[in-house]
């Protein structure tokens, strides 16, 4: 298998960041804007749902632990309100067992544990927006 080129996001996308830590949210927004993306910010669960409904993002970066609700409920609400399935990448600093499994059960496009590298984030976003093709008829693993 050939190595994948350095992670970058192809095409301009609208990315909603729902993160209660303003420093983290602004740092992520800065990096994504530098990568040519349109960024929306929300700092709590309610604002995240309202912003998603109003602007219909292409992807949501969603913290799991939020004021005014948890990220899993926010993801469910966003998916129920938007006309198309929107990829959600969950982020968390929590090491509580079962979070990754719960995110996966909700159809998460990705799961990142804080702190994470920017390249890891960009790669997760690219994979969520344009999943790498799996060879047909071949077993992976």
N, C-alpha and C. Protein backbone atom coordinates (compact mmCIF):
# COMPACT_ATOMS: atom_id res chain seq x y z
N UNK A 1 0.84 -1.18 0.00
CA UNK A 1 0.00 0.00 0.00
C UNK A 1 0.89 1.24 0.00
N UNK A 2 0.58 2.20 -0.84
CA UNK A 2 1.40 3.41 -0.93
C UNK A 2 1.07 4.35 0.21
N UNK A 3 2.09 5.05 0.73
CA UNK A 3 1.81 5.98 1.83
C UNK A 3 0.94 7.13 1.35
N UNK A 4 0.11 7.57 2.25
CA UNK A 4 -0.79 8.68 1.96
C UNK A 4 0.00 9.99 2.00
N UNK A 5 -0.26 10.93 1.09
CA UNK A 5 0.44 12.22 1.14
C UNK A 5 0.09 12.97 2.42
N UNK A 6 0.85 14.02 2.76
CA UNK A 6 0.55 14.79 3.97
C UNK A 6 -0.91 15.23 3.98
N UNK A 7 -1.49 15.20 5.16
CA UNK A 7 -2.92 15.49 5.30
C UNK A 7 -3.21 16.94 4.92
N UNK A 8 -4.24 17.09 4.10
CA UNK A 8 -4.75 18.42 3.79
C UNK A 8 -6.21 18.25 3.40
N UNK A 9 -6.97 19.31 3.54
CA UNK A 9 -8.38 19.25 3.22
C UNK A 9 -8.56 19.76 1.80
N UNK A 10 -9.16 18.94 0.96
CA UNK A 10 -9.37 19.37 -0.42
C UNK A 10 -10.72 20.07 -0.53
N UNK A 11 -10.71 21.21 -1.18
CA UNK A 11 -11.93 21.98 -1.35
C UNK A 11 -12.28 22.79 -0.11
N UNK A 12 -13.04 23.83 -0.33
CA UNK A 12 -13.47 24.70 0.77
C UNK A 12 -14.74 24.12 1.40
N UNK A 13 -14.70 23.92 2.70
CA UNK A 13 -15.82 23.35 3.44
C UNK A 13 -16.21 24.26 4.59
N UNK A 14 -17.44 24.09 5.06
CA UNK A 14 -17.94 24.83 6.22
C UNK A 14 -17.85 23.89 7.41
N UNK A 15 -16.99 24.22 8.37
CA UNK A 15 -16.76 23.37 9.53
C UNK A 15 -17.23 24.07 10.80
N UNK A 16 -18.10 23.40 11.54
CA UNK A 16 -18.59 23.91 12.81
C UNK A 16 -17.78 23.29 13.93
N UNK A 17 -17.19 24.16 14.77
CA UNK A 17 -16.46 23.71 15.95
C UNK A 17 -17.34 24.00 17.16
N UNK A 18 -17.69 22.95 17.91
CA UNK A 18 -18.46 23.12 19.14
C UNK A 18 -17.53 22.70 20.28
N UNK A 19 -17.00 23.70 20.96
CA UNK A 19 -15.95 23.50 21.98
C UNK A 19 -16.10 24.60 23.03
N UNK A 20 -16.23 24.21 24.31
CA UNK A 20 -16.43 25.20 25.36
C UNK A 20 -15.15 25.91 25.78
N UNK A 21 -13.99 25.33 25.54
CA UNK A 21 -12.73 25.99 25.86
C UNK A 21 -12.40 26.94 24.71
N UNK A 22 -12.59 28.23 24.95
CA UNK A 22 -12.44 29.22 23.88
C UNK A 22 -11.04 29.24 23.28
N UNK A 23 -10.03 29.00 24.08
CA UNK A 23 -8.66 28.98 23.55
C UNK A 23 -8.48 27.84 22.55
N UNK A 24 -8.99 26.68 22.90
CA UNK A 24 -8.89 25.53 21.99
C UNK A 24 -9.72 25.81 20.74
N UNK A 25 -10.94 26.31 20.91
CA UNK A 25 -11.81 26.58 19.77
C UNK A 25 -11.16 27.58 18.81
N UNK A 26 -10.60 28.64 19.36
CA UNK A 26 -9.98 29.67 18.51
C UNK A 26 -8.72 29.15 17.84
N UNK A 27 -7.95 28.33 18.54
CA UNK A 27 -6.74 27.75 17.93
C UNK A 27 -7.12 26.81 16.78
N UNK A 28 -8.15 26.00 16.99
CA UNK A 28 -8.61 25.12 15.91
C UNK A 28 -9.13 25.93 14.73
N UNK A 29 -9.90 26.97 15.04
CA UNK A 29 -10.45 27.82 13.98
C UNK A 29 -9.32 28.48 13.17
N UNK A 30 -8.31 28.96 13.85
CA UNK A 30 -7.17 29.60 13.17
C UNK A 30 -6.50 28.62 12.21
N UNK A 31 -6.26 27.41 12.69
CA UNK A 31 -5.60 26.40 11.84
C UNK A 31 -6.46 26.00 10.66
N UNK A 32 -7.75 25.85 10.88
CA UNK A 32 -8.63 25.46 9.78
C UNK A 32 -8.82 26.59 8.78
N UNK A 33 -8.88 27.81 9.25
CA UNK A 33 -8.97 28.95 8.32
C UNK A 33 -7.69 29.06 7.50
N UNK A 34 -6.54 28.81 8.14
CA UNK A 34 -5.26 28.83 7.43
C UNK A 34 -5.23 27.73 6.36
N UNK A 35 -6.00 26.66 6.57
CA UNK A 35 -6.09 25.57 5.60
C UNK A 35 -7.16 25.86 4.54
N UNK A 36 -7.73 27.07 4.57
CA UNK A 36 -8.68 27.49 3.54
C UNK A 36 -10.12 27.12 3.80
N UNK A 37 -10.47 26.82 5.05
CA UNK A 37 -11.83 26.40 5.38
C UNK A 37 -12.63 27.53 6.00
N UNK A 38 -13.94 27.46 5.83
CA UNK A 38 -14.85 28.38 6.51
C UNK A 38 -15.17 27.76 7.86
N UNK A 39 -15.09 28.56 8.92
CA UNK A 39 -15.24 28.02 10.27
C UNK A 39 -16.36 28.76 11.00
N UNK A 40 -17.21 27.97 11.66
CA UNK A 40 -18.24 28.48 12.55
C UNK A 40 -17.89 28.02 13.95
N UNK A 41 -18.15 28.85 14.95
CA UNK A 41 -17.83 28.50 16.33
C UNK A 41 -19.08 28.52 17.22
N UNK A 42 -19.15 27.57 18.12
CA UNK A 42 -20.17 27.55 19.17
C UNK A 42 -19.49 27.06 20.43
N UNK A 43 -19.87 27.66 21.57
CA UNK A 43 -19.17 27.37 22.82
C UNK A 43 -19.97 26.55 23.82
N UNK A 44 -21.18 26.13 23.45
CA UNK A 44 -21.95 25.24 24.32
C UNK A 44 -22.89 24.40 23.45
N UNK A 45 -23.55 23.45 24.08
CA UNK A 45 -24.39 22.49 23.35
C UNK A 45 -25.53 23.19 22.60
N UNK A 46 -26.23 24.08 23.26
CA UNK A 46 -27.36 24.75 22.65
C UNK A 46 -26.93 25.59 21.44
N UNK A 47 -25.87 26.36 21.62
CA UNK A 47 -25.37 27.17 20.51
C UNK A 47 -24.90 26.28 19.36
N UNK A 48 -24.36 25.12 19.67
CA UNK A 48 -23.93 24.19 18.63
C UNK A 48 -25.09 23.72 17.77
N UNK A 49 -26.18 23.34 18.42
CA UNK A 49 -27.37 22.88 17.69
C UNK A 49 -27.95 24.01 16.86
N UNK A 50 -28.08 25.19 17.45
CA UNK A 50 -28.66 26.34 16.75
C UNK A 50 -27.80 26.71 15.53
N UNK A 51 -26.49 26.75 15.72
CA UNK A 51 -25.59 27.12 14.62
C UNK A 51 -25.63 26.08 13.51
N UNK A 52 -25.65 24.80 13.87
CA UNK A 52 -25.73 23.74 12.85
C UNK A 52 -27.03 23.87 12.06
N UNK A 53 -28.11 24.09 12.75
CA UNK A 53 -29.42 24.20 12.07
C UNK A 53 -29.44 25.41 11.14
N UNK A 54 -28.88 26.51 11.59
CA UNK A 54 -28.91 27.75 10.80
C UNK A 54 -28.00 27.69 9.58
N UNK A 55 -26.80 27.11 9.72
CA UNK A 55 -25.80 27.19 8.65
C UNK A 55 -25.54 25.88 7.91
N UNK A 56 -26.02 24.75 8.41
CA UNK A 56 -25.83 23.48 7.72
C UNK A 56 -24.38 23.19 7.37
N UNK A 57 -23.53 22.97 8.37
CA UNK A 57 -22.11 22.75 8.09
C UNK A 57 -21.86 21.44 7.33
N UNK A 58 -20.70 21.38 6.68
CA UNK A 58 -20.28 20.18 5.98
C UNK A 58 -19.73 19.14 6.95
N UNK A 59 -19.25 19.61 8.12
CA UNK A 59 -18.64 18.74 9.13
C UNK A 59 -18.72 19.44 10.48
N UNK A 60 -18.84 18.64 11.54
CA UNK A 60 -18.88 19.19 12.91
C UNK A 60 -17.75 18.57 13.72
N UNK A 61 -16.93 19.42 14.33
CA UNK A 61 -15.95 19.01 15.34
C UNK A 61 -16.62 19.26 16.67
N UNK A 62 -16.83 18.20 17.45
CA UNK A 62 -17.71 18.30 18.61
C UNK A 62 -17.05 17.77 19.87
N UNK A 63 -16.90 18.65 20.85
CA UNK A 63 -16.40 18.23 22.16
C UNK A 63 -17.51 17.40 22.83
N UNK A 64 -17.11 16.41 23.59
CA UNK A 64 -18.10 15.56 24.25
C UNK A 64 -18.64 16.20 25.52
N UNK A 65 -17.77 16.84 26.30
CA UNK A 65 -18.19 17.46 27.56
C UNK A 65 -18.43 18.94 27.33
N UNK A 66 -19.71 19.33 27.35
CA UNK A 66 -20.09 20.71 27.04
C UNK A 66 -21.06 21.26 28.07
N UNK A 67 -21.02 22.58 28.29
CA UNK A 67 -22.08 23.19 29.09
C UNK A 67 -23.42 23.05 28.34
N UNK A 68 -24.49 22.90 29.03
CA UNK A 68 -25.85 22.84 28.49
C UNK A 68 -26.13 21.57 27.70
N UNK A 69 -25.39 20.49 27.95
CA UNK A 69 -25.67 19.22 27.29
C UNK A 69 -24.41 18.49 26.90
N UNK A 70 -24.53 17.20 26.59
CA UNK A 70 -23.32 16.48 26.21
C UNK A 70 -23.24 16.35 24.69
N UNK A 71 -22.03 16.14 24.19
CA UNK A 71 -21.77 16.09 22.77
C UNK A 71 -22.54 15.01 22.04
N UNK A 72 -22.79 13.89 22.70
CA UNK A 72 -23.53 12.81 22.06
C UNK A 72 -24.97 13.25 21.77
N UNK A 73 -25.59 13.92 22.73
CA UNK A 73 -26.95 14.42 22.51
C UNK A 73 -26.97 15.50 21.44
N UNK A 74 -25.94 16.34 21.43
CA UNK A 74 -25.83 17.39 20.41
C UNK A 74 -25.74 16.74 19.03
N UNK A 75 -24.91 15.71 18.88
CA UNK A 75 -24.76 15.03 17.59
C UNK A 75 -26.09 14.44 17.13
N UNK A 76 -26.81 13.79 18.04
CA UNK A 76 -28.11 13.22 17.68
C UNK A 76 -29.09 14.31 17.23
N UNK A 77 -29.08 15.40 17.95
CA UNK A 77 -29.99 16.52 17.62
C UNK A 77 -29.64 17.13 16.27
N UNK A 78 -28.36 17.34 16.02
CA UNK A 78 -27.93 17.91 14.74
C UNK A 78 -28.35 17.00 13.60
N UNK A 79 -28.11 15.71 13.75
CA UNK A 79 -28.46 14.77 12.67
C UNK A 79 -29.97 14.74 12.42
N UNK A 80 -30.76 14.94 13.48
CA UNK A 80 -32.21 14.92 13.31
C UNK A 80 -32.73 16.21 12.65
N UNK A 81 -31.98 17.30 12.77
CA UNK A 81 -32.43 18.59 12.25
C UNK A 81 -31.96 18.88 10.83
N UNK A 82 -30.84 18.30 10.42
CA UNK A 82 -30.29 18.61 9.11
C UNK A 82 -30.81 17.64 8.06
N UNK A 83 -31.00 18.13 6.84
CA UNK A 83 -31.58 17.27 5.80
C UNK A 83 -30.65 16.15 5.31
N UNK A 84 -29.35 16.33 5.48
CA UNK A 84 -28.40 15.30 5.06
C UNK A 84 -27.51 14.91 6.24
N UNK A 85 -26.99 13.69 6.18
CA UNK A 85 -26.11 13.21 7.22
C UNK A 85 -24.83 14.05 7.23
N UNK A 86 -24.49 14.59 8.37
CA UNK A 86 -23.31 15.44 8.51
C UNK A 86 -22.25 14.70 9.30
N UNK A 87 -21.03 14.59 8.75
CA UNK A 87 -19.97 13.91 9.50
C UNK A 87 -19.67 14.65 10.81
N UNK A 88 -19.50 13.88 11.87
CA UNK A 88 -19.17 14.44 13.19
C UNK A 88 -17.88 13.77 13.67
N UNK A 89 -16.92 14.61 14.05
CA UNK A 89 -15.69 14.13 14.68
C UNK A 89 -15.76 14.57 16.13
N UNK A 90 -15.76 13.59 17.03
CA UNK A 90 -15.81 13.88 18.46
C UNK A 90 -14.41 14.15 18.98
N UNK A 91 -14.33 15.08 19.94
CA UNK A 91 -13.07 15.40 20.62
C UNK A 91 -13.33 15.32 22.12
N UNK A 92 -12.33 14.85 22.86
CA UNK A 92 -12.49 14.81 24.31
C UNK A 92 -11.14 14.78 25.01
N UNK A 93 -11.10 15.36 26.19
CA UNK A 93 -9.93 15.24 27.06
C UNK A 93 -10.19 14.17 28.11
N UNK A 94 -11.42 13.68 28.16
CA UNK A 94 -11.80 12.67 29.15
C UNK A 94 -11.21 11.32 28.79
N UNK A 95 -10.80 10.59 29.79
CA UNK A 95 -10.31 9.22 29.59
C UNK A 95 -11.34 8.20 30.10
N UNK A 96 -12.57 8.66 30.26
CA UNK A 96 -13.65 7.79 30.72
C UNK A 96 -13.83 6.64 29.74
N UNK A 97 -13.88 5.41 30.24
CA UNK A 97 -14.05 4.26 29.33
C UNK A 97 -15.39 4.30 28.61
N UNK A 98 -15.40 3.81 27.39
CA UNK A 98 -16.63 3.68 26.63
C UNK A 98 -16.98 4.84 25.73
N UNK A 99 -16.27 5.96 25.83
CA UNK A 99 -16.62 7.12 25.01
C UNK A 99 -16.42 6.84 23.51
N UNK A 100 -15.29 6.23 23.17
CA UNK A 100 -15.01 5.92 21.77
C UNK A 100 -16.10 4.99 21.21
N UNK A 101 -16.49 3.98 22.00
CA UNK A 101 -17.51 3.04 21.57
C UNK A 101 -18.87 3.73 21.38
N UNK A 102 -19.19 4.65 22.28
CA UNK A 102 -20.46 5.38 22.15
C UNK A 102 -20.44 6.26 20.91
N UNK A 103 -19.30 6.92 20.67
CA UNK A 103 -19.16 7.76 19.47
C UNK A 103 -19.32 6.91 18.21
N UNK A 104 -18.68 5.75 18.20
CA UNK A 104 -18.76 4.85 17.05
C UNK A 104 -20.20 4.38 16.83
N UNK A 105 -20.90 4.08 17.92
CA UNK A 105 -22.29 3.63 17.81
C UNK A 105 -23.19 4.72 17.22
N UNK A 106 -22.81 5.98 17.42
CA UNK A 106 -23.57 7.10 16.87
C UNK A 106 -23.16 7.42 15.44
N UNK A 107 -22.21 6.67 14.90
CA UNK A 107 -21.78 6.90 13.52
C UNK A 107 -20.70 7.95 13.37
N UNK A 108 -19.90 8.14 14.41
CA UNK A 108 -18.84 9.15 14.36
C UNK A 108 -17.93 8.95 13.16
N UNK A 109 -17.57 10.07 12.54
CA UNK A 109 -16.61 10.05 11.43
C UNK A 109 -15.19 10.01 11.97
N UNK A 110 -15.03 10.33 13.26
CA UNK A 110 -13.71 10.32 13.89
C UNK A 110 -13.83 10.53 15.38
N UNK A 111 -12.74 10.24 16.07
CA UNK A 111 -12.69 10.39 17.53
C UNK A 111 -11.26 10.78 17.88
N UNK A 112 -11.09 11.96 18.47
CA UNK A 112 -9.76 12.45 18.82
C UNK A 112 -9.68 12.70 20.32
N UNK A 113 -8.60 12.21 20.92
CA UNK A 113 -8.35 12.49 22.34
C UNK A 113 -7.40 13.67 22.44
N UNK A 114 -7.79 14.65 23.25
CA UNK A 114 -6.95 15.83 23.46
C UNK A 114 -5.82 15.46 24.40
N UNK A 115 -4.66 16.00 24.22
CA UNK A 115 -4.28 16.84 23.08
C UNK A 115 -3.99 15.98 21.86
N UNK A 116 -4.23 16.56 20.68
CA UNK A 116 -3.94 15.85 19.44
C UNK A 116 -3.14 16.78 18.53
N UNK A 117 -2.47 16.20 17.58
CA UNK A 117 -1.66 16.96 16.62
C UNK A 117 -2.55 17.51 15.52
N UNK A 118 -2.19 18.65 14.98
CA UNK A 118 -2.96 19.28 13.91
C UNK A 118 -3.04 18.35 12.70
N UNK A 119 -1.95 17.67 12.38
CA UNK A 119 -1.97 16.74 11.24
C UNK A 119 -3.00 15.64 11.45
N UNK A 120 -3.14 15.18 12.69
CA UNK A 120 -4.13 14.15 13.00
C UNK A 120 -5.55 14.68 12.76
N UNK A 121 -5.78 15.92 13.17
CA UNK A 121 -7.08 16.56 12.97
C UNK A 121 -7.37 16.73 11.49
N UNK A 122 -6.42 17.27 10.75
CA UNK A 122 -6.62 17.50 9.32
C UNK A 122 -6.89 16.17 8.60
N UNK A 123 -6.13 15.14 8.96
CA UNK A 123 -6.34 13.82 8.34
C UNK A 123 -7.73 13.29 8.66
N UNK A 124 -8.19 13.45 9.90
CA UNK A 124 -9.53 12.98 10.29
C UNK A 124 -10.61 13.74 9.52
N UNK A 125 -10.42 15.04 9.35
CA UNK A 125 -11.39 15.85 8.59
C UNK A 125 -11.41 15.40 7.14
N UNK A 126 -10.24 15.25 6.53
CA UNK A 126 -10.17 14.82 5.14
C UNK A 126 -10.82 13.45 4.95
N UNK A 127 -10.52 12.53 5.86
CA UNK A 127 -11.12 11.19 5.78
C UNK A 127 -12.65 11.23 5.92
N UNK A 128 -13.14 12.14 6.78
CA UNK A 128 -14.58 12.25 6.98
C UNK A 128 -15.27 12.86 5.76
N UNK A 129 -14.61 13.82 5.12
CA UNK A 129 -15.22 14.50 3.98
C UNK A 129 -15.02 13.75 2.68
N UNK A 130 -13.92 13.00 2.59
CA UNK A 130 -13.59 12.27 1.37
C UNK A 130 -12.89 10.98 1.78
N UNK A 131 -13.66 9.99 2.25
CA UNK A 131 -13.06 8.76 2.78
C UNK A 131 -12.13 8.09 1.76
N UNK A 132 -10.99 7.57 2.22
CA UNK A 132 -10.10 6.87 1.31
C UNK A 132 -10.80 5.63 0.76
N UNK A 133 -10.54 5.35 -0.48
CA UNK A 133 -11.18 4.18 -1.10
C UNK A 133 -10.52 2.91 -0.60
N UNK A 134 -11.36 1.92 -0.34
CA UNK A 134 -10.87 0.60 0.07
C UNK A 134 -10.86 -0.26 -1.18
N UNK A 135 -9.80 -1.01 -1.39
CA UNK A 135 -9.79 -1.88 -2.57
C UNK A 135 -10.92 -2.90 -2.51
N UNK A 136 -11.62 -3.05 -3.62
CA UNK A 136 -12.73 -4.00 -3.67
C UNK A 136 -12.23 -5.42 -3.72
N UNK A 137 -12.91 -6.28 -3.02
CA UNK A 137 -12.58 -7.69 -3.09
C UNK A 137 -11.35 -8.10 -2.30
N UNK A 138 -10.78 -7.19 -1.56
CA UNK A 138 -9.60 -7.54 -0.76
C UNK A 138 -9.94 -7.37 0.70
N UNK A 139 -9.47 -8.29 1.49
CA UNK A 139 -9.66 -8.18 2.94
C UNK A 139 -8.57 -7.31 3.50
N UNK A 140 -8.96 -6.37 4.34
CA UNK A 140 -7.99 -5.49 4.98
C UNK A 140 -7.69 -6.01 6.36
N UNK A 141 -6.47 -5.84 6.78
CA UNK A 141 -6.17 -6.21 8.15
C UNK A 141 -5.05 -7.09 8.21
